[in-house]
Amino acid sequence: MLERERIIEIVIAVIAVLLMLGAMIGIGSEYGSNGQTMSADGGEMLVMAIVGFILLLTAVGITLAFLLNDPEDGLEADDDPDAQNAA
C-alpha cells in the first residue's frame, strides 16, 4: 500500500494536470476557429497557460516539500558547527 504522503503527492499532481488540460481545452474552444488553426491571441493565452502551469507546479512542489518533510528524514539543517561556514 502507498504511504499517505505519496497519495497526497499523486492527488495534487493529478489535480494540477487536470487544471492544465481544462485551461488548454478552454483556450482552444474560445480562440480556435472551426477546427482550424488557433488565432494569435489564443497562442499567447496558451503560452501564458503553460508558463502558469510551470509556476504552479513549482509552488506546489516547494509547498509539499515543506509540509511533508519529516524530521527523522535528516533533511533539516545540522547544528554541527563544523558543517557551518567559517566566515
Protein backbone atom coordinates (compact mmCIF):
# COMPACT_ATOMS: atom_id res chain seq x y z
CA MET A 1 0.00 0.00 0.00
CA LEU A 2 1.17 3.50 -0.74
CA GLU A 3 2.19 5.84 2.03
CA ARG A 4 -0.06 8.77 2.95
CA GLU A 5 2.46 11.35 1.67
CA ARG A 6 2.78 9.61 -1.69
CA ILE A 7 -1.01 9.54 -2.14
CA ILE A 8 -1.18 13.28 -1.35
CA GLU A 9 1.52 13.98 -3.95
CA ILE A 10 -0.26 11.89 -6.59
CA VAL A 11 -3.64 13.52 -5.97
CA ILE A 12 -2.21 17.04 -6.14
CA ALA A 13 -0.28 16.25 -9.33
CA VAL A 14 -3.39 14.80 -10.99
CA ILE A 15 -5.43 17.87 -9.99
CA ALA A 16 -2.76 20.20 -11.42
CA VAL A 17 -2.67 18.26 -14.70
CA LEU A 18 -6.47 18.31 -14.95
CA LEU A 19 -6.44 22.07 -14.38
CA MET A 20 -3.90 22.45 -17.18
CA LEU A 21 -5.92 20.28 -19.55
CA GLY A 22 -9.07 22.23 -18.69
CA ALA A 23 -7.29 25.51 -19.38
CA MET A 24 -5.96 24.23 -22.70
CA ILE A 25 -9.38 22.93 -23.77
CA GLY A 26 -11.00 26.22 -22.73
CA ILE A 27 -8.45 28.28 -24.64
CA GLY A 28 -8.76 26.02 -27.69
CA SER A 29 -12.53 26.25 -27.75
CA GLU A 30 -12.54 30.01 -27.17
CA TYR A 31 -9.79 31.01 -29.61
CA GLY A 32 -9.99 28.18 -32.15
CA SER A 33 -11.79 28.78 -35.40
CA ASN A 34 -13.97 25.91 -36.64
CA GLY A 35 -11.40 23.14 -36.17
CA GLN A 36 -8.72 25.13 -37.96
CA THR A 37 -5.67 26.91 -36.58
CA MET A 38 -5.73 28.96 -33.41
CA SER A 39 -5.69 32.75 -33.54
CA ALA A 40 -2.66 34.75 -32.40
CA ASP A 41 -4.44 35.76 -29.19
CA GLY A 42 -5.14 32.10 -28.48
CA GLY A 43 -1.49 31.25 -28.97
CA GLU A 44 -0.48 33.91 -26.47
CA MET A 45 -3.05 32.64 -23.99
CA LEU A 46 -1.77 29.10 -24.45
CA VAL A 47 1.81 30.18 -23.77
CA MET A 48 0.65 32.02 -20.64
CA ALA A 49 -1.21 28.89 -19.52
CA ILE A 50 1.93 26.79 -19.95
CA VAL A 51 4.04 29.30 -18.01
CA GLY A 52 1.36 29.41 -15.31
CA PHE A 53 1.39 25.61 -15.16
CA ILE A 54 5.15 25.58 -14.65
CA LEU A 55 4.91 28.20 -11.90
CA LEU A 56 2.01 26.34 -10.28
CA LEU A 57 3.92 23.06 -10.18
CA THR A 58 6.98 24.82 -8.79
CA ALA A 59 4.92 26.36 -5.99
CA VAL A 60 3.16 23.07 -5.30
CA GLY A 61 6.47 21.20 -5.17
CA ILE A 62 8.03 23.66 -2.74
CA THR A 63 4.90 23.65 -0.57
CA LEU A 64 4.76 19.86 -0.47
CA ALA A 65 8.46 19.67 0.35
CA PHE A 66 7.92 21.81 3.43
CA LEU A 67 4.61 20.27 4.51
CA LEU A 68 5.56 16.63 4.06
CA ASN A 69 9.10 16.89 5.44
CA ASP A 70 9.58 14.54 8.38
CA PRO A 71 12.24 15.44 10.97
CA GLU A 72 13.60 11.89 11.01
CA ASP A 73 14.42 12.10 7.29
CA GLY A 74 17.53 14.10 8.11
CA LEU A 75 16.64 16.93 5.74
CA GLU A 76 16.84 19.69 8.35
CA ALA A 77 19.87 21.87 8.90
CA ASP A 78 22.53 20.39 11.14
CA ASP A 79 23.56 22.16 14.33
CA ASP A 80 27.08 20.87 13.82
CA PRO A 81 29.46 23.88 13.97
CA ASP A 82 31.97 22.10 11.70
CA ALA A 83 29.40 21.96 8.91
CA GLN A 84 28.76 25.71 9.03
CA ASN A 85 30.71 28.29 7.06
CA ALA A 86 33.84 29.57 8.82
CA ALA A 87 33.26 33.12 7.57
